[in-house]
N, C-alpha and C. Protein backbone atom coordinates (compact mmCIF):
# COMPACT_ATOMS: atom_id res chain seq x y z
N UNK A 1 2.92 30.83 28.48
CA UNK A 1 4.35 30.85 28.34
C UNK A 1 4.74 30.07 27.10
N UNK A 2 5.39 30.71 26.19
CA UNK A 2 5.80 30.07 24.95
C UNK A 2 7.12 29.34 25.16
N UNK A 3 7.16 28.12 24.68
CA UNK A 3 8.38 27.33 24.79
C UNK A 3 8.92 27.13 23.39
N UNK A 4 10.16 27.50 23.19
CA UNK A 4 10.81 27.32 21.90
C UNK A 4 12.26 27.00 22.13
N UNK A 5 12.97 26.73 21.07
CA UNK A 5 14.39 26.46 21.25
C UNK A 5 15.19 27.33 20.32
N UNK A 6 16.37 27.66 20.77
CA UNK A 6 17.28 28.51 20.03
C UNK A 6 17.90 27.68 18.91
N UNK A 7 17.94 28.22 17.73
CA UNK A 7 18.53 27.52 16.60
C UNK A 7 20.04 27.59 16.74
N UNK A 8 20.67 26.44 16.81
CA UNK A 8 22.11 26.37 17.00
C UNK A 8 22.71 25.50 15.93
N UNK A 9 24.03 25.60 15.79
CA UNK A 9 24.73 24.79 14.80
C UNK A 9 24.78 23.34 15.21
N UNK A 10 24.85 22.47 14.24
CA UNK A 10 25.02 21.04 14.49
C UNK A 10 23.70 20.32 14.62
N UNK A 11 23.56 19.24 13.89
CA UNK A 11 22.29 18.51 13.91
C UNK A 11 22.06 17.80 15.23
N UNK A 12 23.13 17.33 15.89
CA UNK A 12 22.96 16.65 17.17
C UNK A 12 22.49 17.63 18.24
N UNK A 13 23.02 18.84 18.22
CA UNK A 13 22.61 19.86 19.18
C UNK A 13 21.17 20.29 18.95
N UNK A 14 20.78 20.42 17.68
CA UNK A 14 19.41 20.77 17.36
C UNK A 14 18.45 19.67 17.81
N UNK A 15 18.84 18.42 17.60
CA UNK A 15 17.99 17.30 17.99
C UNK A 15 17.82 17.26 19.50
N UNK A 16 18.90 17.52 20.25
CA UNK A 16 18.81 17.54 21.71
C UNK A 16 17.91 18.67 22.17
N UNK A 17 18.02 19.84 21.54
CA UNK A 17 17.17 20.97 21.90
C UNK A 17 15.70 20.67 21.63
N UNK A 18 15.41 20.02 20.51
CA UNK A 18 14.03 19.64 20.21
C UNK A 18 13.49 18.66 21.23
N UNK A 19 14.30 17.65 21.59
CA UNK A 19 13.88 16.68 22.60
C UNK A 19 13.66 17.35 23.95
N UNK A 20 14.55 18.28 24.30
CA UNK A 20 14.45 18.96 25.60
C UNK A 20 13.15 19.75 25.71
N UNK A 21 12.84 20.54 24.73
CA UNK A 21 11.64 21.37 24.83
C UNK A 21 10.35 20.59 24.62
N UNK A 22 10.42 19.50 23.90
CA UNK A 22 9.26 18.62 23.79
C UNK A 22 8.98 17.98 25.15
N UNK A 23 10.02 17.59 25.84
CA UNK A 23 9.89 16.99 27.16
C UNK A 23 9.41 18.01 28.19
N UNK A 24 9.92 19.24 28.13
CA UNK A 24 9.58 20.26 29.12
C UNK A 24 8.11 20.68 29.03
N UNK A 25 7.46 20.46 27.91
CA UNK A 25 6.03 20.75 27.81
C UNK A 25 5.22 19.79 28.68
N UNK A 26 5.73 18.59 28.90
CA UNK A 26 5.01 17.57 29.66
C UNK A 26 5.44 17.47 31.11
N UNK A 27 6.71 17.67 31.39
CA UNK A 27 7.26 17.42 32.73
C UNK A 27 7.45 18.73 33.47
N UNK A 28 6.83 18.84 34.64
CA UNK A 28 7.10 19.97 35.51
C UNK A 28 7.04 19.49 36.95
N UNK A 29 7.83 20.10 37.79
CA UNK A 29 7.90 19.69 39.18
C UNK A 29 6.92 20.47 40.05
N UNK A 30 6.39 19.81 41.05
CA UNK A 30 5.50 20.46 42.01
C UNK A 30 6.13 20.34 43.39
N UNK A 31 5.44 20.89 44.40
CA UNK A 31 5.96 20.78 45.75
C UNK A 31 5.94 19.32 46.22
N UNK A 32 4.94 18.55 45.79
CA UNK A 32 4.86 17.15 46.19
C UNK A 32 5.82 16.26 45.40
N UNK A 33 5.98 16.56 44.11
CA UNK A 33 6.89 15.80 43.25
C UNK A 33 7.78 16.76 42.48
N UNK A 34 8.90 17.17 43.09
CA UNK A 34 9.80 18.08 42.38
C UNK A 34 10.48 17.38 41.21
N UNK A 35 11.10 18.16 40.37
CA UNK A 35 11.73 17.67 39.15
C UNK A 35 13.21 17.42 39.40
N UNK A 36 13.70 16.23 39.04
CA UNK A 36 15.11 15.89 39.12
C UNK A 36 15.72 16.18 37.76
N UNK A 37 16.49 17.25 37.66
CA UNK A 37 17.04 17.73 36.39
C UNK A 37 18.47 17.26 36.25
N UNK A 38 18.80 16.65 35.10
CA UNK A 38 20.16 16.22 34.81
C UNK A 38 20.68 17.06 33.66
N UNK A 39 21.78 17.78 33.90
CA UNK A 39 22.46 18.55 32.86
C UNK A 39 23.83 17.93 32.67
N UNK A 40 24.20 17.78 31.42
CA UNK A 40 25.42 17.04 31.11
C UNK A 40 26.27 17.85 30.16
N UNK A 41 27.57 17.90 30.43
CA UNK A 41 28.52 18.46 29.48
C UNK A 41 29.49 17.35 29.09
N UNK A 42 30.48 17.66 28.31
CA UNK A 42 31.42 16.63 27.89
C UNK A 42 32.22 16.10 29.07
N UNK A 43 32.47 16.94 30.06
CA UNK A 43 33.32 16.54 31.17
C UNK A 43 32.56 16.37 32.49
N UNK A 44 31.54 17.20 32.72
CA UNK A 44 30.89 17.23 34.03
C UNK A 44 29.41 16.89 33.94
N UNK A 45 28.83 16.68 35.11
CA UNK A 45 27.43 16.33 35.25
C UNK A 45 26.86 17.15 36.40
N UNK A 46 25.68 17.73 36.20
CA UNK A 46 25.04 18.57 37.20
C UNK A 46 23.62 18.06 37.41
N UNK A 47 23.22 17.87 38.66
CA UNK A 47 21.89 17.34 38.97
C UNK A 47 21.26 18.26 40.01
N UNK A 48 19.99 18.62 39.79
CA UNK A 48 19.26 19.47 40.72
C UNK A 48 17.87 18.90 40.95
N UNK A 49 17.34 19.14 42.15
CA UNK A 49 15.94 18.84 42.44
C UNK A 49 15.25 20.20 42.52
N UNK A 50 14.29 20.44 41.60
CA UNK A 50 13.70 21.76 41.43
C UNK A 50 12.20 21.70 41.65
N UNK A 51 11.68 22.68 42.41
CA UNK A 51 10.24 22.88 42.56
C UNK A 51 9.86 23.98 41.59
N UNK A 52 9.14 23.63 40.53
CA UNK A 52 8.80 24.60 39.49
C UNK A 52 7.72 25.59 39.90
N UNK A 53 6.92 25.26 40.91
CA UNK A 53 5.87 26.19 41.32
C UNK A 53 6.47 27.43 41.98
N UNK A 54 7.56 27.26 42.71
CA UNK A 54 8.22 28.41 43.35
C UNK A 54 9.55 28.74 42.70
N UNK A 55 9.94 28.00 41.68
CA UNK A 55 11.20 28.20 40.95
C UNK A 55 12.41 28.18 41.89
N UNK A 56 12.46 27.17 42.75
CA UNK A 56 13.58 27.06 43.68
C UNK A 56 14.26 25.71 43.53
N UNK A 57 15.57 25.73 43.75
CA UNK A 57 16.35 24.50 43.77
C UNK A 57 16.36 23.98 45.20
N UNK A 58 15.90 22.77 45.39
CA UNK A 58 15.81 22.19 46.72
C UNK A 58 17.08 21.43 47.11
N UNK A 59 17.72 20.79 46.16
CA UNK A 59 18.97 20.06 46.41
C UNK A 59 19.75 20.01 45.10
N UNK A 60 21.07 19.92 45.22
CA UNK A 60 21.88 19.84 44.01
C UNK A 60 23.15 19.05 44.28
N UNK A 61 23.74 18.54 43.21
CA UNK A 61 25.01 17.82 43.28
C UNK A 61 25.66 17.91 41.90
N UNK A 62 26.98 17.93 41.88
CA UNK A 62 27.68 17.96 40.60
C UNK A 62 29.06 17.36 40.74
N UNK A 63 29.68 17.08 39.61
CA UNK A 63 31.03 16.55 39.61
C UNK A 63 32.05 17.65 39.86
N UNK A 64 31.60 18.89 39.97
CA UNK A 64 32.49 20.00 40.25
C UNK A 64 32.80 20.13 41.74
N UNK A 65 32.09 19.39 42.58
CA UNK A 65 32.29 19.47 44.02
C UNK A 65 33.65 18.88 44.40
N UNK A 66 34.21 19.41 45.48
CA UNK A 66 35.57 19.07 45.86
C UNK A 66 35.78 17.57 46.09
N UNK A 67 34.84 16.91 46.79
CA UNK A 67 35.03 15.49 47.09
C UNK A 67 34.93 14.61 45.84
N UNK A 68 34.23 15.07 44.82
CA UNK A 68 34.12 14.27 43.59
C UNK A 68 35.21 14.59 42.58
N UNK A 69 35.88 15.72 42.74
CA UNK A 69 36.99 16.05 41.84
C UNK A 69 38.16 15.10 42.06
N UNK A 70 38.32 14.62 43.30
CA UNK A 70 39.43 13.72 43.59
C UNK A 70 39.06 12.25 43.38
N UNK A 71 37.79 11.98 43.04
CA UNK A 71 37.31 10.61 42.82
C UNK A 71 37.97 10.03 41.58
N UNK A 72 38.55 8.86 41.71
CA UNK A 72 39.16 8.22 40.55
C UNK A 72 38.17 7.25 39.94
N UNK A 73 38.06 7.28 38.67
CA UNK A 73 37.13 6.41 37.96
C UNK A 73 36.66 7.10 36.69
N UNK A 74 35.90 6.38 35.89
CA UNK A 74 35.42 6.97 34.66
C UNK A 74 34.20 7.85 34.92
N UNK A 75 33.69 8.48 33.87
CA UNK A 75 32.58 9.43 34.02
C UNK A 75 31.29 8.75 34.46
N UNK A 76 31.09 7.50 34.06
CA UNK A 76 29.90 6.77 34.49
C UNK A 76 29.96 6.44 35.98
N UNK A 77 31.13 6.13 36.48
CA UNK A 77 31.28 5.87 37.92
C UNK A 77 31.01 7.14 38.72
N UNK A 78 31.46 8.29 38.20
CA UNK A 78 31.15 9.57 38.85
C UNK A 78 29.66 9.84 38.82
N UNK A 79 29.00 9.47 37.73
CA UNK A 79 27.55 9.67 37.63
C UNK A 79 26.81 8.85 38.67
N UNK A 80 27.29 7.65 38.94
CA UNK A 80 26.69 6.82 39.99
C UNK A 80 26.85 7.48 41.35
N UNK A 81 28.02 8.07 41.60
CA UNK A 81 28.25 8.78 42.85
C UNK A 81 27.33 9.98 42.98
N UNK A 82 27.10 10.68 41.88
CA UNK A 82 26.18 11.83 41.87
C UNK A 82 24.76 11.38 42.19
N UNK A 83 24.35 10.24 41.65
CA UNK A 83 23.02 9.70 41.94
C UNK A 83 22.85 9.39 43.41
N UNK A 84 23.87 8.79 44.02
CA UNK A 84 23.81 8.50 45.46
C UNK A 84 23.74 9.78 46.27
N UNK A 85 24.56 10.76 45.87
CA UNK A 85 24.64 12.03 46.61
C UNK A 85 23.34 12.81 46.52
N UNK A 86 22.72 12.88 45.34
CA UNK A 86 21.47 13.64 45.20
C UNK A 86 20.34 12.94 45.93
N UNK A 87 20.34 11.61 45.95
CA UNK A 87 19.31 10.88 46.69
C UNK A 87 19.44 11.15 48.18
N UNK A 88 20.66 11.16 48.68
CA UNK A 88 20.90 11.43 50.10
C UNK A 88 20.47 12.84 50.47
N UNK A 89 20.84 13.82 49.63
CA UNK A 89 20.48 15.22 49.91
C UNK A 89 18.98 15.45 49.80
N UNK A 90 18.33 14.79 48.87
CA UNK A 90 16.87 14.93 48.74
C UNK A 90 16.17 14.32 49.94
N UNK A 91 16.65 13.17 50.40
CA UNK A 91 16.06 12.52 51.59
C UNK A 91 16.20 13.41 52.82
N UNK A 92 17.33 14.10 52.94
CA UNK A 92 17.54 15.02 54.06
C UNK A 92 16.52 16.16 54.04
N UNK A 93 16.09 16.57 52.85
CA UNK A 93 15.10 17.63 52.71
C UNK A 93 13.67 17.10 52.79
N UNK A 94 13.51 15.78 52.95
CA UNK A 94 12.19 15.19 53.06
C UNK A 94 11.54 14.87 51.73
N UNK A 95 12.33 14.75 50.68
CA UNK A 95 11.82 14.46 49.34
C UNK A 95 12.05 12.99 49.05
N UNK A 96 10.97 12.27 48.71
CA UNK A 96 11.13 10.85 48.40
C UNK A 96 10.70 10.51 46.98
N UNK A 97 9.81 11.31 46.38
CA UNK A 97 9.38 11.06 45.00
C UNK A 97 9.70 12.27 44.14
N UNK A 98 10.17 12.02 42.93
CA UNK A 98 10.53 13.08 41.99
C UNK A 98 10.05 12.72 40.60
N UNK A 99 10.07 13.70 39.72
CA UNK A 99 9.82 13.51 38.29
C UNK A 99 11.17 13.65 37.60
N UNK A 100 11.55 12.68 36.78
CA UNK A 100 12.88 12.69 36.15
C UNK A 100 12.85 13.52 34.88
N UNK A 101 13.78 14.48 34.78
CA UNK A 101 13.94 15.31 33.59
C UNK A 101 15.35 15.10 33.06
N UNK A 102 15.46 14.39 31.95
CA UNK A 102 16.77 14.07 31.40
C UNK A 102 17.34 15.20 30.56
N UNK A 103 16.61 16.30 30.43
CA UNK A 103 17.11 17.49 29.75
C UNK A 103 17.34 17.31 28.27
N UNK A 104 16.59 16.43 27.64
CA UNK A 104 16.75 16.22 26.21
C UNK A 104 17.84 15.22 25.86
N UNK A 105 18.61 14.81 26.83
CA UNK A 105 19.64 13.80 26.59
C UNK A 105 19.00 12.43 26.53
N UNK A 106 19.60 11.54 25.77
CA UNK A 106 19.08 10.19 25.69
C UNK A 106 19.28 9.49 27.03
N UNK A 107 18.35 8.60 27.38
CA UNK A 107 18.45 7.85 28.63
C UNK A 107 19.45 6.73 28.42
N UNK A 108 20.72 7.08 28.52
CA UNK A 108 21.78 6.15 28.19
C UNK A 108 23.04 6.63 28.89
N UNK A 109 23.93 5.75 29.24
CA UNK A 109 25.22 6.13 29.79
C UNK A 109 25.13 6.82 31.13
N UNK A 110 25.70 8.04 31.20
CA UNK A 110 25.77 8.77 32.46
C UNK A 110 24.40 9.18 32.98
N UNK A 111 23.48 9.53 32.09
CA UNK A 111 22.14 9.94 32.51
C UNK A 111 21.41 8.75 33.14
N UNK A 112 21.51 7.59 32.52
CA UNK A 112 20.90 6.39 33.07
C UNK A 112 21.57 5.97 34.37
N UNK A 113 22.88 6.17 34.49
CA UNK A 113 23.60 5.82 35.71
C UNK A 113 23.13 6.67 36.88
N UNK A 114 22.89 7.95 36.65
CA UNK A 114 22.36 8.83 37.71
C UNK A 114 20.99 8.33 38.15
N UNK A 115 20.14 8.00 37.20
CA UNK A 115 18.78 7.58 37.51
C UNK A 115 18.76 6.26 38.29
N UNK A 116 19.51 5.28 37.84
CA UNK A 116 19.49 3.99 38.52
C UNK A 116 20.11 4.09 39.92
N UNK A 117 21.13 4.89 40.05
CA UNK A 117 21.76 5.06 41.36
C UNK A 117 20.85 5.80 42.33
N UNK A 118 20.14 6.81 41.83
CA UNK A 118 19.20 7.55 42.69
C UNK A 118 18.04 6.64 43.12
N UNK A 119 17.57 5.82 42.20
CA UNK A 119 16.50 4.86 42.54
C UNK A 119 16.97 3.85 43.58
N UNK A 120 18.19 3.37 43.40
CA UNK A 120 18.74 2.37 44.32
C UNK A 120 18.94 2.94 45.72
N UNK A 121 19.10 4.27 45.83
CA UNK A 121 19.32 4.90 47.11
C UNK A 121 18.08 5.55 47.68
N UNK A 122 16.91 5.20 47.17
CA UNK A 122 15.66 5.58 47.83
C UNK A 122 14.77 6.59 47.15
N UNK A 123 15.18 7.19 46.04
CA UNK A 123 14.27 8.10 45.34
C UNK A 123 13.33 7.32 44.45
N UNK A 124 12.06 7.73 44.41
CA UNK A 124 11.09 7.09 43.53
C UNK A 124 10.79 8.01 42.37
N UNK A 125 10.76 7.44 41.16
CA UNK A 125 10.44 8.21 39.96
C UNK A 125 9.04 7.84 39.54
């Protein structure tokens, strides 16, 4: 399977795409250790627990959900809530250890908040 990235405008976007595909060559989820994927946009955050061997999403959480849309606070506070929610949903499915996939984003801000919150609520990376 060839992994490449689409050439897009903007140096920051190109750099993120390079980081993402460089990371995806090394990180893949299995049934024992699924992949915790963090996707980030300017406004929202999406987190999934994915088993790459069967290409299935085992658990997911996002800021688009109804209970988090009414949450008052900044984007980092919402990211902490997402971390708690994904940890809870993964535990319900019997998942305790995951591989963290930051999706080419730097481990900073909202991405780091999701990771630390998920760790604090019982997920092991």
